[in-house]
């Protein structure tokens, strides 16, 4: 059996709990010891590829529909709505204005 082409977040989390922010939080947690991987573009690419793979290859209809909803939401949302970054050795995910105030 081959492993899925999507990030394990989507198998480890209940479909009703999926969100773009939670994916990024899981990415941060998974990569917290590898600062070079804490890159928004890498996380964003992994998210997009995972959602497309779920839509195209997953046999679970509920997962396919939720992946399509998230991908559409991702495409219509500005990347400045939320930021994910490392600052002063602390990982932060939240609204942009909270980041600027920190």
C-alpha atoms as a PDB file:
ATOM      1  CA  UNK A   1       0.000   0.000   0.000  1.00  0.00           C
ATOM      2  CA  UNK A   2       1.339   3.428  -0.899  1.00  0.00           C
ATOM      3  CA  UNK A   3       1.195   6.296   1.541  1.00  0.00           C
ATOM      4  CA  UNK A   4      -1.226   9.134   0.787  1.00  0.00           C
ATOM      5  CA  UNK A   5      -0.031  12.146  -1.172  1.00  0.00           C
ATOM      6  CA  UNK A   6      -1.461  14.535   1.394  1.00  0.00           C
ATOM      7  CA  UNK A   7      -0.093  15.804   4.701  1.00  0.00           C
ATOM      8  CA  UNK A   8      -0.865  13.578   7.677  1.00  0.00           C
ATOM      9  CA  UNK A   9      -2.762  16.426   9.373  1.00  0.00           C
ATOM     10  CA  UNK A  10      -5.708  15.495   7.167  1.00  0.00           C
ATOM     11  CA  UNK A  11      -5.682  11.888   8.392  1.00  0.00           C
ATOM     12  CA  UNK A  12      -4.941  12.728  12.033  1.00  0.00           C
ATOM     13  CA  UNK A  13      -7.717  15.348  12.356  1.00  0.00           C
ATOM     14  CA  UNK A  14     -11.461  14.957  12.195  1.00  0.00           C
ATOM     15  CA  UNK A  15     -12.816  16.408   8.945  1.00  0.00           C
ATOM     16  CA  UNK A  16     -15.135  18.738  10.861  1.00  0.00           C
ATOM     17  CA  UNK A  17     -12.069  20.269  12.578  1.00  0.00           C
ATOM     18  CA  UNK A  18     -10.067  20.970   9.419  1.00  0.00           C
ATOM     19  CA  UNK A  19      -9.018  24.567   8.894  1.00  0.00           C
ATOM     20  CA  UNK A  20      -6.251  26.433   7.149  1.00  0.00           C
ATOM     21  CA  UNK A  21      -5.060  27.888  10.438  1.00  0.00           C
ATOM     22  CA  UNK A  22      -5.027  24.484  12.153  1.00  0.00           C
ATOM     23  CA  UNK A  23      -3.021  23.053   9.251  1.00  0.00           C
ATOM     24  CA  UNK A  24      -0.422  25.786   9.744  1.00  0.00           C
ATOM     25  CA  UNK A  25      -0.397  25.172  13.506  1.00  0.00           C
ATOM     26  CA  UNK A  26       0.223  21.471  12.859  1.00  0.00           C
ATOM     27  CA  UNK A  27       2.996  22.404  10.384  1.00  0.00           C
ATOM     28  CA  UNK A  28       4.659  24.596  13.022  1.00  0.00           C
ATOM     29  CA  UNK A  29       4.417  21.894  15.665  1.00  0.00           C
ATOM     30  CA  UNK A  30       5.808  19.262  13.297  1.00  0.00           C
ATOM     31  CA  UNK A  31       8.725  21.439  12.178  1.00  0.00           C
ATOM     32  CA  UNK A  32       9.496  23.376  15.365  1.00  0.00           C
ATOM     33  CA  UNK A  33      12.942  21.779  15.643  1.00  0.00           C
ATOM     34  CA  UNK A  34      13.828  22.519  12.000  1.00  0.00           C
ATOM     35  CA  UNK A  35      13.702  26.302  11.739  1.00  0.00           C
ATOM     36  CA  UNK A  36      14.619  26.240   8.038  1.00  0.00           C
ATOM     37  CA  UNK A  37      11.368  24.377   7.312  1.00  0.00           C
ATOM     38  CA  UNK A  38       9.297  27.001   9.141  1.00  0.00           C
ATOM     39  CA  UNK A  39       8.734  28.814   5.904  1.00  0.00           C
ATOM     40  CA  UNK A  40       5.295  30.095   4.944  1.00  0.00           C
ATOM     41  CA  UNK A  41       5.764  29.239   1.276  1.00  0.00           C
ATOM     42  CA  UNK A  42       6.696  25.609   2.051  1.00  0.00           C
ATOM     43  CA  UNK A  43       3.699  25.246   4.365  1.00  0.00           C
ATOM     44  CA  UNK A  44       1.409  26.916   1.843  1.00  0.00           C
ATOM     45  CA  UNK A  45       2.670  24.666  -0.967  1.00  0.00           C
ATOM     46  CA  UNK A  46       2.147  21.567   1.201  1.00  0.00           C
ATOM     47  CA  UNK A  47      -1.378  22.732   2.039  1.00  0.00           C
ATOM     48  CA  UNK A  48      -2.303  23.376  -1.593  1.00  0.00           C
ATOM     49  CA  UNK A  49      -0.823  20.071  -2.806  1.00  0.00           C
ATOM     50  CA  UNK A  50      -2.539  18.185   0.005  1.00  0.00           C
ATOM     51  CA  UNK A  51      -5.943  19.689  -0.723  1.00  0.00           C
ATOM     52  CA  UNK A  52      -5.629  18.998  -4.458  1.00  0.00           C
ATOM     53  CA  UNK A  53      -4.516  15.442  -3.768  1.00  0.00           C
ATOM     54  CA  UNK A  54      -7.463  14.868  -1.434  1.00  0.00           C
ATOM     55  CA  UNK A  55      -9.855  16.202  -4.069  1.00  0.00           C
ATOM     56  CA  UNK A  56      -8.356  14.046  -6.833  1.00  0.00           C
ATOM     57  CA  UNK A  57      -7.338  10.842  -5.032  1.00  0.00           C
ATOM     58  CA  UNK A  58      -9.227  10.411  -1.770  1.00  0.00           C
ATOM     59  CA  UNK A  59     -12.029   7.841  -1.691  1.00  0.00           C
ATOM     60  CA  UNK A  60     -13.814   9.531   1.235  1.00  0.00           C
ATOM     61  CA  UNK A  61     -16.513  11.835  -0.172  1.00  0.00           C
ATOM     62  CA  UNK A  62     -16.662  13.975   2.988  1.00  0.00           C
ATOM     63  CA  UNK A  63     -12.892  14.582   2.885  1.00  0.00           C
ATOM     64  CA  UNK A  64     -13.066  15.435  -0.816  1.00  0.00           C
ATOM     65  CA  UNK A  65     -15.841  17.978  -0.249  1.00  0.00           C
ATOM     66  CA  UNK A  66     -14.121  19.605   2.729  1.00  0.00           C
ATOM     67  CA  UNK A  67     -10.816  19.774   0.822  1.00  0.00           C
ATOM     68  CA  UNK A  68     -12.614  21.502  -2.066  1.00  0.00           C
ATOM     69  CA  UNK A  69     -14.232  23.975   0.358  1.00  0.00           C
ATOM     70  CA  UNK A  70     -10.884  24.768   2.013  1.00  0.00           C
ATOM     71  CA  UNK A  71      -9.127  25.163  -1.335  1.00  0.00           C
ATOM     72  CA  UNK A  72     -11.815  27.583  -2.525  1.00  0.00           C
ATOM     73  CA  UNK A  73     -11.621  29.476   0.779  1.00  0.00           C
ATOM     74  CA  UNK A  74      -7.819  29.574   0.551  1.00  0.00           C
ATOM     75  CA  UNK A  75      -7.976  30.999  -2.964  1.00  0.00           C
ATOM     76  CA  UNK A  76     -10.351  33.773  -1.903  1.00  0.00           C
ATOM     77  CA  UNK A  77      -8.534  34.723   1.321  1.00  0.00           C
ATOM     78  CA  UNK A  78      -5.699  37.207   1.457  1.00  0.00           C
ATOM     79  CA  UNK A  79      -2.443  35.764   2.757  1.00  0.00           C
ATOM     80  CA  UNK A  80      -2.273  38.721   5.148  1.00  0.00           C
ATOM     81  CA  UNK A  81      -5.322  37.565   7.106  1.00  0.00           C
ATOM     82  CA  UNK A  82      -3.157  35.282   9.201  1.00  0.00           C
ATOM     83  CA  UNK A  83       0.561  35.049   9.635  1.00  0.00           C
ATOM     84  CA  UNK A  84       2.636  32.149  10.843  1.00  0.00           C
ATOM     85  CA  UNK A  85       6.200  32.879  11.857  1.00  0.00           C
ATOM     86  CA  UNK A  86       8.946  32.314  14.365  1.00  0.00           C
ATOM     87  CA  UNK A  87       9.879  35.300  16.516  1.00  0.00           C
ATOM     88  CA  UNK A  88      12.293  35.419  19.422  1.00  0.00           C
ATOM     89  CA  UNK A  89      12.366  31.600  19.428  1.00  0.00           C
ATOM     90  CA  UNK A  90       8.607  31.526  19.992  1.00  0.00           C
ATOM     91  CA  UNK A  91       6.212  30.262  17.372  1.00  0.00           C
ATOM     92  CA  UNK A  92       3.200  32.438  16.708  1.00  0.00           C
ATOM     93  CA  UNK A  93       0.068  31.975  14.637  1.00  0.00           C
ATOM     94  CA  UNK A  94      -2.640  34.588  14.698  1.00  0.00           C
ATOM     95  CA  UNK A  95      -4.114  37.717  13.195  1.00  0.00           C
ATOM     96  CA  UNK A  96      -1.680  40.062  11.500  1.00  0.00           C
ATOM     97  CA  UNK A  97      -2.393  42.956  13.880  1.00  0.00           C
ATOM     98  CA  UNK A  98      -1.565  40.752  16.901  1.00  0.00           C
ATOM     99  CA  UNK A  99       1.740  39.882  15.257  1.00  0.00           C
ATOM    100  CA  UNK A 100       2.607  43.523  14.684  1.00  0.00           C
ATOM    101  CA  UNK A 101       1.813  44.372  18.288  1.00  0.00           C
ATOM    102  CA  UNK A 102       3.919  41.496  19.715  1.00  0.00           C
END
